Amino acid sequence: MSGTARKGFSKKYGQVFLRNREIAEFEADLLDSGSASILEIGPGEGFLTEVLLERGFNVVAVEPDHRLADYLTARFATHVGGKRLTILQKSV
């Protein structure tokens, strides 16, 4: 996604992307490991989404930007459609 999202940051959505795996892992460490499902608002390019899936969480990712929702659907195609990952292209 390097080109598409970065060129087209949307002020409308106030987009700021998490791109540091260590921070994503730190955030995941703060979660209750007994929680089965996580609601992720604004997953961006999916750095935290990836860590959450690796740790066995089920993720519902709500992304308002259709370009990023499409990117996430392609990036995590093996997880979409099952119980592991649901991507909703909606504004909340």
Protein backbone atom coordinates (compact mmCIF):
# COMPACT_ATOMS: atom_id res chain seq x y z
CA MET A 1 0.00 0.00 0.00
CA SER A 2 2.99 2.22 0.24
CA GLY A 3 2.02 4.38 -2.70
CA THR A 4 -1.76 4.53 -2.64
CA ALA A 5 -2.55 5.42 0.96
CA ARG A 6 0.43 7.63 1.61
CA LYS A 7 -0.19 9.80 -1.43
CA GLY A 8 -3.85 10.14 -0.61
CA PHE A 9 -4.02 10.82 3.11
CA SER A 10 -7.49 12.06 3.78
CA LYS A 11 -7.99 15.03 6.07
CA LYS A 12 -11.62 13.98 6.12
CA TYR A 13 -10.71 10.90 8.15
CA GLY A 14 -7.83 12.44 10.14
CA GLN A 15 -5.60 9.59 8.99
CA VAL A 16 -2.51 8.77 11.04
CA PHE A 17 -1.02 5.34 10.37
CA LEU A 18 0.63 3.00 12.85
CA ARG A 19 3.63 1.54 11.03
CA ASN A 20 5.79 0.37 13.91
CA ARG A 21 5.50 -3.31 14.76
CA GLU A 22 6.95 -2.82 18.26
CA ILE A 23 4.18 -0.36 19.11
CA ALA A 24 1.55 -2.71 17.67
CA GLU A 25 2.95 -5.54 19.81
CA PHE A 26 3.00 -3.29 22.89
CA GLU A 27 -0.66 -2.41 22.31
CA ALA A 28 -1.57 -6.08 21.87
CA ASP A 29 0.29 -6.90 25.11
CA LEU A 30 -2.13 -4.61 26.96
CA LEU A 31 -5.15 -6.65 25.89
CA ASP A 32 -6.74 -9.37 27.99
CA SER A 33 -5.54 -12.59 26.41
CA GLY A 34 -8.85 -14.16 27.42
CA SER A 35 -10.74 -11.83 25.09
CA ALA A 36 -11.80 -13.67 21.97
CA SER A 37 -12.80 -10.69 19.84
CA ILE A 38 -11.44 -7.20 19.29
CA LEU A 39 -13.16 -4.22 17.65
CA GLU A 40 -10.50 -2.20 15.84
CA ILE A 41 -11.56 1.28 14.76
CA GLY A 42 -9.50 2.69 11.89
CA PRO A 43 -7.09 -0.18 11.18
CA GLY A 44 -5.31 1.80 8.46
CA GLU A 45 -2.80 -0.48 6.74
CA GLY A 46 -3.31 -3.29 9.24
CA PHE A 47 -0.16 -3.32 11.37
CA LEU A 48 -2.11 -3.88 14.60
CA THR A 49 -4.60 -6.11 12.79
CA GLU A 50 -1.75 -8.41 11.77
CA VAL A 51 -0.42 -8.71 15.32
CA LEU A 52 -3.89 -9.36 16.72
CA LEU A 53 -4.52 -12.14 14.19
CA GLU A 54 -1.12 -13.69 14.92
CA ARG A 55 -2.04 -13.79 18.61
CA GLY A 56 -5.29 -15.60 17.90
CA PHE A 57 -7.78 -12.78 18.35
CA ASN A 58 -10.86 -12.49 16.16
CA VAL A 59 -10.94 -8.96 14.76
CA VAL A 60 -13.75 -6.75 13.51
CA ALA A 61 -11.97 -3.89 11.73
CA VAL A 62 -14.00 -0.77 10.90
CA GLU A 63 -12.30 1.38 8.25
CA PRO A 64 -14.07 4.44 6.79
CA ASP A 65 -11.71 4.87 3.81
CA HIS A 66 -12.81 2.56 0.98
CA ARG A 67 -9.25 2.43 -0.41
CA LEU A 68 -7.89 1.08 2.86
CA ALA A 69 -10.82 -1.29 3.34
CA ASP A 70 -10.09 -2.75 -0.11
CA TYR A 71 -6.37 -2.96 0.71
CA LEU A 72 -7.05 -4.75 4.01
CA THR A 73 -9.42 -7.19 2.30
CA ALA A 74 -6.67 -8.11 -0.17
CA ARG A 75 -3.86 -8.15 2.41
CA PHE A 76 -5.73 -10.44 4.80
CA ALA A 77 -7.66 -12.45 2.18
CA THR A 78 -6.97 -15.74 3.97
CA HIS A 79 -8.66 -14.45 7.15
CA VAL A 80 -11.59 -12.50 5.66
CA GLY A 81 -14.92 -14.25 5.43
CA GLY A 82 -14.36 -16.58 8.34
CA LYS A 83 -14.63 -15.88 12.03
CA ARG A 84 -11.09 -14.49 12.29
CA LEU A 85 -11.49 -11.16 10.49
CA THR A 86 -14.41 -9.01 9.43
CA ILE A 87 -13.68 -5.75 7.61
CA LEU A 88 -16.45 -3.17 7.58
CA GLN A 89 -16.12 -0.11 5.37
CA LYS A 90 -18.09 2.34 7.51
CA SER A 91 -17.69 5.62 9.30
CA VAL A 92 -18.29 5.52 13.05
